[in-house]
Amino acid sequence: MTLRIPTMADLAAEGREPEILFWVGCAGSFDARAQKVTLAFCQILEAVGIDYAILGNEEQCTGDPARRAGNEFIFQMMALQNIEVLNGYQVKKVVTACPHCFNTLKNEYPALGGHYEVIHHTQLLQELITAGRIKMTGGGSFKGKRITYHDSCYLGRINGVYEAPREVLETLDADLVEMKRCRTNGLCCGAGGAQMWKEDEPGEKRINLERAEEALDTGAAVVAVNCPFCLTMMQDGIKAKDKQDDVMVYDLAELIIQQMQP
């Protein structure tokens, strides 16, 4: 499928405004694995006929990692530049596949003058399924397979979004099993709070290894995630246990695109 993803600048030149701005995020733009999630989500948006656009080269990092690492100056500088661009296009609704971008745009940008309706891609997928705009095929590659879902910290505990991703997964003909620690008691993948860019702190075991063990203990063949950081950390943890051939890690958008009716 060939996609031509429009930018806000393209649409502005035509005097048009999209229904939704898709905030791609750094991982979704530059990380090879997360790019597959970006592509899958854009294919879904195209398939259901949602009018959307991205910022392209005008999008910068939201500043989340800088703030979590303690560099407030860099955060505010990046945030203000992004807000100037978003407000310049009169953006009203933003969707993103990264819970870190979601949290920052939704909860931290308003204090700096950025007021938008911000939703996570799992919430939009759930809305589209409920409205009947996404229809799933019966059976398929996940029929009868065990799937476990990892709650990312920034979507789960910080923003209280637990049901939408699970409702999306329930549309697959699969057996959804919960990990020992889930929902409000979920365990971090080990990357949040700028840990992704730090050396390991002293300890007996990496957090992502502990979380991967919990996922493997469920006997699931698929680990579903909603965050590019979680995707990396869970894949690395499962690889460290030499289970990468038996257990796959997918973002919810990738699961849906495999099971959608054309």
C-alpha atoms as a PDB file:
ATOM      1  CA  MET A   1       0.000   0.000   0.000  1.00  0.00           C
ATOM      2  CA  THR A   2       1.488   3.324  -1.072  1.00  0.00           C
ATOM      3  CA  LEU A   3       0.790   6.135   1.356  1.00  0.00           C
ATOM      4  CA  ARG A   4       1.133   9.815   0.747  1.00  0.00           C
ATOM      5  CA  ILE A   5       0.947  11.292   4.220  1.00  0.00           C
ATOM      6  CA  PRO A   6      -0.028  14.980   4.030  1.00  0.00           C
ATOM      7  CA  THR A   7       1.675  17.662   6.114  1.00  0.00           C
ATOM      8  CA  MET A   8      -0.028  20.614   7.761  1.00  0.00           C
ATOM      9  CA  ALA A   9       1.960  22.894   5.432  1.00  0.00           C
ATOM     10  CA  ASP A  10       0.544  21.042   2.368  1.00  0.00           C
ATOM     11  CA  LEU A  11      -3.023  21.456   3.586  1.00  0.00           C
ATOM     12  CA  ALA A  12      -2.518  25.069   4.664  1.00  0.00           C
ATOM     13  CA  ALA A  13      -1.313  25.861   1.127  1.00  0.00           C
ATOM     14  CA  GLU A  14      -4.641  24.470  -0.134  1.00  0.00           C
ATOM     15  CA  GLY A  15      -6.618  26.393   2.483  1.00  0.00           C
ATOM     16  CA  ARG A  16      -7.649  23.175   4.264  1.00  0.00           C
ATOM     17  CA  GLU A  17      -7.590  22.070   7.890  1.00  0.00           C
ATOM     18  CA  PRO A  18      -7.481  18.363   8.810  1.00  0.00           C
ATOM     19  CA  GLU A  19      -9.796  16.790  11.335  1.00  0.00           C
ATOM     20  CA  ILE A  20      -6.805  15.492  13.309  1.00  0.00           C
ATOM     21  CA  LEU A  21      -3.111  16.285  13.626  1.00  0.00           C
ATOM     22  CA  PHE A  22      -1.146  13.053  14.012  1.00  0.00           C
ATOM     23  CA  TRP A  23       1.801  13.793  16.307  1.00  0.00           C
ATOM     24  CA  VAL A  24       4.338  11.176  15.212  1.00  0.00           C
ATOM     25  CA  GLY A  25       6.966  11.670  17.927  1.00  0.00           C
ATOM     26  CA  CYS A  26      10.713  11.050  17.813  1.00  0.00           C
ATOM     27  CA  ALA A  27      10.540   7.248  18.062  1.00  0.00           C
ATOM     28  CA  GLY A  28       7.770   6.997  15.473  1.00  0.00           C
ATOM     29  CA  SER A  29       9.840   9.156  13.131  1.00  0.00           C
ATOM     30  CA  PHE A  30      13.352   7.794  13.545  1.00  0.00           C
ATOM     31  CA  ASP A  31      13.293   4.360  15.223  1.00  0.00           C
ATOM     32  CA  ALA A  32      13.014   1.615  12.590  1.00  0.00           C
ATOM     33  CA  ARG A  33      10.744  -0.567  14.739  1.00  0.00           C
ATOM     34  CA  ALA A  34       8.456   2.294  15.810  1.00  0.00           C
ATOM     35  CA  GLN A  35       8.193   3.473  12.186  1.00  0.00           C
ATOM     36  CA  LYS A  36       6.204   0.285  11.486  1.00  0.00           C
ATOM     37  CA  VAL A  37       3.672   1.398  14.103  1.00  0.00           C
ATOM     38  CA  THR A  38       3.448   4.845  12.502  1.00  0.00           C
ATOM     39  CA  LEU A  39       2.821   3.244   9.115  1.00  0.00           C
ATOM     40  CA  ALA A  40       0.196   0.835  10.492  1.00  0.00           C
ATOM     41  CA  PHE A  41      -1.663   3.672  12.211  1.00  0.00           C
ATOM     42  CA  CYS A  42      -1.601   5.854   9.085  1.00  0.00           C
ATOM     43  CA  GLN A  43      -2.945   2.920   7.046  1.00  0.00           C
ATOM     44  CA  ILE A  44      -5.836   2.621   9.518  1.00  0.00           C
ATOM     45  CA  LEU A  45      -6.567   6.359   9.294  1.00  0.00           C
ATOM     46  CA  GLU A  46      -6.547   6.126   5.492  1.00  0.00           C
ATOM     47  CA  ALA A  47      -8.770   3.044   5.475  1.00  0.00           C
ATOM     48  CA  VAL A  48     -11.486   4.646   7.627  1.00  0.00           C
ATOM     49  CA  GLY A  49     -11.288   7.964   5.773  1.00  0.00           C
ATOM     50  CA  ILE A  50     -10.103  10.220   8.585  1.00  0.00           C
ATOM     51  CA  ASP A  51      -8.791  13.554   7.330  1.00  0.00           C
ATOM     52  CA  TYR A  52      -5.409  13.881   9.044  1.00  0.00           C
ATOM     53  CA  ALA A  53      -1.986  15.450   8.613  1.00  0.00           C
ATOM     54  CA  ILE A  54       1.423  15.472  10.292  1.00  0.00           C
ATOM     55  CA  LEU A  55       3.811  18.351  10.945  1.00  0.00           C
ATOM     56  CA  GLY A  56       6.710  16.638   9.166  1.00  0.00           C
ATOM     57  CA  ASN A  57       9.932  18.618   9.510  1.00  0.00           C
ATOM     58  CA  GLU A  58       8.134  21.204  11.647  1.00  0.00           C
ATOM     59  CA  GLU A  59       7.628  18.676  14.462  1.00  0.00           C
ATOM     60  CA  GLN A  60      10.210  18.636  17.228  1.00  0.00           C
ATOM     61  CA  CYS A  61      10.510  16.493  20.337  1.00  0.00           C
ATOM     62  CA  THR A  62       7.853  17.506  22.880  1.00  0.00           C
ATOM     63  CA  GLY A  63      10.632  17.984  25.419  1.00  0.00           C
ATOM     64  CA  ASP A  64       9.423  15.179  27.688  1.00  0.00           C
ATOM     65  CA  PRO A  65      12.812  13.423  28.066  1.00  0.00           C
ATOM     66  CA  ALA A  66      14.527  16.736  28.848  1.00  0.00           C
ATOM     67  CA  ARG A  67      12.025  17.584  31.599  1.00  0.00           C
ATOM     68  CA  ARG A  68      12.157  14.074  33.104  1.00  0.00           C
ATOM     69  CA  ALA A  69      15.951  14.264  33.136  1.00  0.00           C
ATOM     70  CA  GLY A  70      15.793  17.614  34.940  1.00  0.00           C
ATOM     71  CA  ASN A  71      16.548  20.068  32.120  1.00  0.00           C
ATOM     72  CA  GLU A  72      13.584  22.414  32.450  1.00  0.00           C
ATOM     73  CA  PHE A  73      15.164  25.065  30.208  1.00  0.00           C
ATOM     74  CA  ILE A  74      15.398  22.715  27.214  1.00  0.00           C
ATOM     75  CA  PHE A  75      11.855  21.461  27.859  1.00  0.00           C
ATOM     76  CA  GLN A  76      10.344  24.937  27.872  1.00  0.00           C
ATOM     77  CA  MET A  77      12.333  26.015  24.821  1.00  0.00           C
ATOM     78  CA  MET A  78      11.132  23.017  22.785  1.00  0.00           C
ATOM     79  CA  ALA A  79       7.581  23.223  24.102  1.00  0.00           C
ATOM     80  CA  LEU A  80       7.212  26.899  23.242  1.00  0.00           C
ATOM     81  CA  GLN A  81       8.523  26.313  19.716  1.00  0.00           C
ATOM     82  CA  ASN A  82       6.056  23.450  19.215  1.00  0.00           C
ATOM     83  CA  ILE A  83       3.160  25.475  20.634  1.00  0.00           C
ATOM     84  CA  GLU A  84       3.958  28.344  18.276  1.00  0.00           C
ATOM     85  CA  VAL A  85       3.773  25.941  15.300  1.00  0.00           C
ATOM     86  CA  LEU A  86       0.582  24.218  16.524  1.00  0.00           C
ATOM     87  CA  ASN A  87      -1.173  27.496  17.275  1.00  0.00           C
ATOM     88  CA  GLY A  88      -0.022  28.893  13.937  1.00  0.00           C
ATOM     89  CA  TYR A  89      -1.968  26.094  12.230  1.00  0.00           C
ATOM     90  CA  GLN A  90      -4.880  26.533  14.666  1.00  0.00           C
ATOM     91  CA  VAL A  91      -4.654  22.879  15.645  1.00  0.00           C
ATOM     92  CA  LYS A  92      -7.554  21.720  17.800  1.00  0.00           C
ATOM     93  CA  LYS A  93      -7.287  17.920  17.985  1.00  0.00           C
ATOM     94  CA  VAL A  94      -4.103  15.872  18.290  1.00  0.00           C
ATOM     95  CA  VAL A  95      -3.635  12.088  18.254  1.00  0.00           C
ATOM     96  CA  THR A  96      -0.342  10.388  19.062  1.00  0.00           C
ATOM     97  CA  ALA A  97       0.887   6.795  19.363  1.00  0.00           C
ATOM     98  CA  CYS A  98       3.340   7.725  22.144  1.00  0.00           C
ATOM     99  CA  PRO A  99       2.045   7.990  25.737  1.00  0.00           C
ATOM    100  CA  HIS A 100       4.945  10.301  26.615  1.00  0.00           C
ATOM    101  CA  CYS A 101       3.969  12.769  23.873  1.00  0.00           C
ATOM    102  CA  PHE A 102       0.318  12.260  24.863  1.00  0.00           C
ATOM    103  CA  ASN A 103       0.962  13.154  28.503  1.00  0.00           C
ATOM    104  CA  THR A 104       3.135  16.177  27.706  1.00  0.00           C
ATOM    105  CA  LEU A 105       0.822  17.650  25.058  1.00  0.00           C
ATOM    106  CA  LYS A 106      -2.302  16.999  27.139  1.00  0.00           C
ATOM    107  CA  ASN A 107      -1.196  17.871  30.653  1.00  0.00           C
ATOM    108  CA  GLU A 108       1.913  20.070  30.415  1.00  0.00           C
ATOM    109  CA  TYR A 109       1.494  22.241  27.315  1.00  0.00           C
ATOM    110  CA  PRO A 110      -1.618  24.098  28.599  1.00  0.00           C
ATOM    111  CA  ALA A 111       0.508  25.900  31.222  1.00  0.00           C
ATOM    112  CA  LEU A 112       2.597  27.313  28.345  1.00  0.00           C
ATOM    113  CA  GLY A 113      -0.333  28.316  26.138  1.00  0.00           C
ATOM    114  CA  GLY A 114      -0.929  25.086  24.206  1.00  0.00           C
ATOM    115  CA  HIS A 115      -4.580  24.056  24.577  1.00  0.00           C
ATOM    116  CA  TYR A 116      -5.610  21.067  22.452  1.00  0.00           C
ATOM    117  CA  GLU A 117      -7.845  18.030  22.618  1.00  0.00           C
ATOM    118  CA  VAL A 118      -5.254  15.255  22.885  1.00  0.00           C
ATOM    119  CA  ILE A 119      -6.044  11.556  22.533  1.00  0.00           C
ATOM    120  CA  HIS A 120      -3.909   8.451  22.434  1.00  0.00           C
ATOM    121  CA  HIS A 121      -4.130   6.238  19.355  1.00  0.00           C
ATOM    122  CA  THR A 122      -5.596   3.355  21.392  1.00  0.00           C
ATOM    123  CA  GLN A 123      -8.473   5.640  22.416  1.00  0.00           C
ATOM    124  CA  LEU A 124      -9.106   6.620  18.798  1.00  0.00           C
ATOM    125  CA  LEU A 125      -8.975   2.975  17.695  1.00  0.00           C
ATOM    126  CA  GLN A 126     -11.524   2.080  20.378  1.00  0.00           C
ATOM    127  CA  GLU A 127     -13.808   4.944  19.261  1.00  0.00           C
ATOM    128  CA  LEU A 128     -13.589   3.844  15.619  1.00  0.00           C
ATOM    129  CA  ILE A 129     -14.351   0.209  16.507  1.00  0.00           C
ATOM    130  CA  THR A 130     -17.317   1.207  18.696  1.00  0.00           C
ATOM    131  CA  ALA A 131     -18.659   3.453  15.918  1.00  0.00           C
ATOM    132  CA  GLY A 132     -18.385   0.581  13.428  1.00  0.00           C
ATOM    133  CA  ARG A 133     -15.856   2.400  11.249  1.00  0.00           C
ATOM    134  CA  ILE A 134     -13.275  -0.332  11.896  1.00  0.00           C
ATOM    135  CA  LYS A 135     -14.672  -3.799  11.285  1.00  0.00           C
ATOM    136  CA  MET A 136     -12.668  -6.850  12.231  1.00  0.00           C
ATOM    137  CA  THR A 137     -12.517 -10.155  10.375  1.00  0.00           C
ATOM    138  CA  GLY A 138     -13.307 -13.301  12.330  1.00  0.00           C
ATOM    139  CA  GLY A 139     -10.614 -15.894  12.889  1.00  0.00           C
ATOM    140  CA  GLY A 140      -7.355 -14.690  11.428  1.00  0.00           C
ATOM    141  CA  SER A 141      -3.804 -15.000  12.667  1.00  0.00           C
ATOM    142  CA  PHE A 142      -4.682 -14.347  16.333  1.00  0.00           C
ATOM    143  CA  LYS A 143      -7.584 -16.796  16.668  1.00  0.00           C
ATOM    144  CA  GLY A 144      -7.214 -18.703  19.922  1.00  0.00           C
ATOM    145  CA  LYS A 145      -3.788 -17.210  20.647  1.00  0.00           C
ATOM    146  CA  ARG A 146      -2.959 -15.926  24.086  1.00  0.00           C
ATOM    147  CA  ILE A 147      -2.275 -12.186  24.171  1.00  0.00           C
ATOM    148  CA  THR A 148      -1.097 -10.284  27.233  1.00  0.00           C
ATOM    149  CA  TYR A 149      -1.241  -6.504  27.478  1.00  0.00           C
ATOM    150  CA  HIS A 150       1.406  -4.288  29.080  1.00  0.00           C
ATOM    151  CA  ASP A 151       0.084  -1.067  30.648  1.00  0.00           C
ATOM    152  CA  SER A 152       2.513   1.750  29.914  1.00  0.00           C
ATOM    153  CA  CYS A 153       3.061   4.074  32.890  1.00  0.00           C
ATOM    154  CA  TYR A 154       2.147   7.272  31.050  1.00  0.00           C
ATOM    155  CA  LEU A 155      -1.105   5.947  29.611  1.00  0.00           C
ATOM    156  CA  GLY A 156      -2.074   3.822  32.603  1.00  0.00           C
ATOM    157  CA  ARG A 157      -1.196   5.091  36.043  1.00  0.00           C
ATOM    158  CA  ILE A 158      -0.546   8.689  35.025  1.00  0.00           C
ATOM    159  CA  ASN A 159      -3.605   9.202  32.792  1.00  0.00           C
ATOM    160  CA  GLY A 160      -5.910   6.412  33.933  1.00  0.00           C
ATOM    161  CA  VAL A 161      -6.474   4.897  30.473  1.00  0.00           C
ATOM    162  CA  TYR A 162      -6.955   1.165  31.044  1.00  0.00           C
ATOM    163  CA  GLU A 163     -10.146   0.117  29.292  1.00  0.00           C
ATOM    164  CA  ALA A 164      -9.751   1.515  25.748  1.00  0.00           C
ATOM    165  CA  PRO A 165      -6.713  -0.631  24.834  1.00  0.00           C
ATOM    166  CA  ARG A 166      -8.306  -3.745  26.330  1.00  0.00           C
ATOM    167  CA  GLU A 167     -11.552  -3.116  24.430  1.00  0.00           C
ATOM    168  CA  VAL A 168      -9.498  -2.905  21.235  1.00  0.00           C
ATOM    169  CA  LEU A 169      -7.792  -6.228  22.015  1.00  0.00           C
ATOM    170  CA  GLU A 170     -11.116  -7.903  22.781  1.00  0.00           C
ATOM    171  CA  THR A 171     -12.114  -7.425  19.114  1.00  0.00           C
ATOM    172  CA  LEU A 172      -9.430  -9.939  18.132  1.00  0.00           C
ATOM    173  CA  ASP A 173     -10.411 -13.625  18.283  1.00  0.00           C
ATOM    174  CA  ALA A 174      -7.790 -14.133  20.972  1.00  0.00           C
ATOM    175  CA  ASP A 175      -7.496 -15.086  24.625  1.00  0.00           C
ATOM    176  CA  LEU A 176      -6.540 -11.977  26.607  1.00  0.00           C
ATOM    177  CA  VAL A 177      -4.574 -12.862  29.756  1.00  0.00           C
ATOM    178  CA  GLU A 178      -3.385 -10.361  32.360  1.00  0.00           C
ATOM    179  CA  MET A 179       0.079 -10.233  33.864  1.00  0.00           C
ATOM    180  CA  LYS A 180       0.505 -10.552  37.618  1.00  0.00           C
ATOM    181  CA  ARG A 181       1.078  -6.795  37.847  1.00  0.00           C
ATOM    182  CA  CYS A 182      -1.372  -4.870  35.656  1.00  0.00           C
ATOM    183  CA  ARG A 183      -3.616  -1.798  35.562  1.00  0.00           C
ATOM    184  CA  THR A 184      -2.991   0.446  38.614  1.00  0.00           C
ATOM    185  CA  ASN A 185      -0.386  -2.029  39.843  1.00  0.00           C
ATOM    186  CA  GLY A 186       1.408  -2.290  36.478  1.00  0.00           C
ATOM    187  CA  LEU A 187       5.188  -2.483  36.338  1.00  0.00           C
ATOM    188  CA  CYS A 188       7.238   0.005  34.304  1.00  0.00           C
ATOM    189  CA  CYS A 189       9.109  -1.371  31.283  1.00  0.00           C
ATOM    190  CA  GLY A 190      12.222   0.408  32.545  1.00  0.00           C
ATOM    191  CA  ALA A 191      12.448   3.229  29.975  1.00  0.00           C
ATOM    192  CA  GLY A 192      10.213   6.017  31.324  1.00  0.00           C
ATOM    193  CA  GLY A 193      11.370   9.080  33.224  1.00  0.00           C
ATOM    194  CA  ALA A 194      14.330   9.474  30.825  1.00  0.00           C
ATOM    195  CA  GLN A 195      15.727   6.098  31.990  1.00  0.00           C
ATOM    196  CA  MET A 196      15.981   5.185  28.283  1.00  0.00           C
ATOM    197  CA  TRP A 197      19.063   7.418  27.994  1.00  0.00           C
ATOM    198  CA  LYS A 198      20.758   6.589  31.279  1.00  0.00           C
ATOM    199  CA  GLU A 199      23.219   3.911  32.252  1.00  0.00           C
ATOM    200  CA  ASP A 200      21.817   1.144  34.431  1.00  0.00           C
ATOM    201  CA  GLU A 201      21.704   1.919  38.144  1.00  0.00           C
ATOM    202  CA  PRO A 202      23.068  -0.673  40.585  1.00  0.00           C
ATOM    203  CA  GLY A 203      20.702  -3.599  41.062  1.00  0.00           C
ATOM    204  CA  GLU A 204      20.277  -7.315  40.606  1.00  0.00           C
ATOM    205  CA  LYS A 205      18.083  -7.283  37.497  1.00  0.00           C
ATOM    206  CA  ARG A 206      17.041  -4.928  34.712  1.00  0.00           C
ATOM    207  CA  ILE A 207      13.416  -3.833  35.010  1.00  0.00           C
ATOM    208  CA  ASN A 208      12.615  -4.795  31.418  1.00  0.00           C
ATOM    209  CA  LEU A 209      13.884  -8.307  32.118  1.00  0.00           C
ATOM    210  CA  GLU A 210      11.606  -8.606  35.146  1.00  0.00           C
ATOM    211  CA  ARG A 211       8.642  -7.354  33.123  1.00  0.00           C
ATOM    212  CA  ALA A 212       9.444  -9.687  30.216  1.00  0.00           C
ATOM    213  CA  GLU A 213       9.504 -12.615  32.664  1.00  0.00           C
ATOM    214  CA  GLU A 214       6.028 -11.629  33.891  1.00  0.00           C
ATOM    215  CA  ALA A 215       4.792 -11.547  30.289  1.00  0.00           C
ATOM    216  CA  LEU A 216       6.329 -14.950  29.546  1.00  0.00           C
ATOM    217  CA  ASP A 217       4.791 -16.407  32.723  1.00  0.00           C
ATOM    218  CA  THR A 218       1.313 -15.832  31.236  1.00  0.00           C
ATOM    219  CA  GLY A 219       2.097 -18.266  28.412  1.00  0.00           C
ATOM    220  CA  ALA A 220       1.128 -15.583  25.871  1.00  0.00           C
ATOM    221  CA  ALA A 221       2.288 -15.802  22.261  1.00  0.00           C
ATOM    222  CA  VAL A 222       1.856 -12.038  21.785  1.00  0.00           C
ATOM    223  CA  VAL A 223       2.688  -9.103  24.047  1.00  0.00           C
ATOM    224  CA  ALA A 224       0.599  -6.048  23.141  1.00  0.00           C
ATOM    225  CA  VAL A 225       1.946  -2.586  23.949  1.00  0.00           C
ATOM    226  CA  ASN A 226       0.881   0.997  23.312  1.00  0.00           C
ATOM    227  CA  CYS A 227       4.216   2.831  23.525  1.00  0.00           C
ATOM    228  CA  PRO A 228       7.415   2.862  21.425  1.00  0.00           C
ATOM    229  CA  PHE A 229       9.601   2.746  24.547  1.00  0.00           C
ATOM    230  CA  CYS A 230       7.687  -0.252  25.916  1.00  0.00           C
ATOM    231  CA  LEU A 231       7.980  -1.885  22.495  1.00  0.00           C
ATOM    232  CA  THR A 232      11.786  -1.632  22.590  1.00  0.00           C
ATOM    233  CA  MET A 233      12.139  -2.681  26.216  1.00  0.00           C
ATOM    234  CA  MET A 234       9.768  -5.655  26.009  1.00  0.00           C
ATOM    235  CA  GLN A 235      11.400  -6.880  22.792  1.00  0.00           C
ATOM    236  CA  ASP A 236      14.845  -6.597  24.371  1.00  0.00           C
ATOM    237  CA  GLY A 237      13.680  -8.405  27.523  1.00  0.00           C
ATOM    238  CA  ILE A 238      12.145 -11.274  25.555  1.00  0.00           C
ATOM    239  CA  LYS A 239      15.269 -11.501  23.397  1.00  0.00           C
ATOM    240  CA  ALA A 240      17.410 -11.690  26.543  1.00  0.00           C
ATOM    241  CA  LYS A 241      15.344 -14.743  27.555  1.00  0.00           C
ATOM    242  CA  ASP A 242      15.914 -16.190  24.049  1.00  0.00           C
ATOM    243  CA  LYS A 243      12.164 -16.308  23.386  1.00  0.00           C
ATOM    244  CA  GLN A 244      12.032 -13.920  20.409  1.00  0.00           C
ATOM    245  CA  ASP A 245      11.041 -16.736  18.028  1.00  0.00           C
ATOM    246  CA  ASP A 246       8.122 -17.818  20.231  1.00  0.00           C
ATOM    247  CA  VAL A 247       6.713 -14.530  21.547  1.00  0.00           C
ATOM    248  CA  MET A 248       6.053 -11.471  19.401  1.00  0.00           C
ATOM    249  CA  VAL A 249       5.689  -7.893  20.657  1.00  0.00           C
ATOM    250  CA  TYR A 250       3.241  -5.678  18.761  1.00  0.00           C
ATOM    251  CA  ASP A 251       1.688  -2.263  19.144  1.00  0.00           C
ATOM    252  CA  LEU A 252      -2.123  -2.320  19.110  1.00  0.00           C
ATOM    253  CA  ALA A 253      -2.208  -0.554  15.732  1.00  0.00           C
ATOM    254  CA  GLU A 254      -0.169  -3.404  14.210  1.00  0.00           C
ATOM    255  CA  LEU A 255      -2.604  -5.984  15.605  1.00  0.00           C
ATOM    256  CA  ILE A 256      -5.618  -4.113  14.243  1.00  0.00           C
ATOM    257  CA  ILE A 257      -4.182  -3.580  10.733  1.00  0.00           C
ATOM    258  CA  GLN A 258      -3.564  -7.344  10.473  1.00  0.00           C
ATOM    259  CA  GLN A 259      -7.175  -8.128  11.387  1.00  0.00           C
ATOM    260  CA  MET A 260      -9.150  -5.285   9.769  1.00  0.00           C
ATOM    261  CA  GLN A 261     -11.718  -5.887   7.070  1.00  0.00           C
ATOM    262  CA  PRO A 262     -10.537  -4.158   3.880  1.00  0.00           C
END
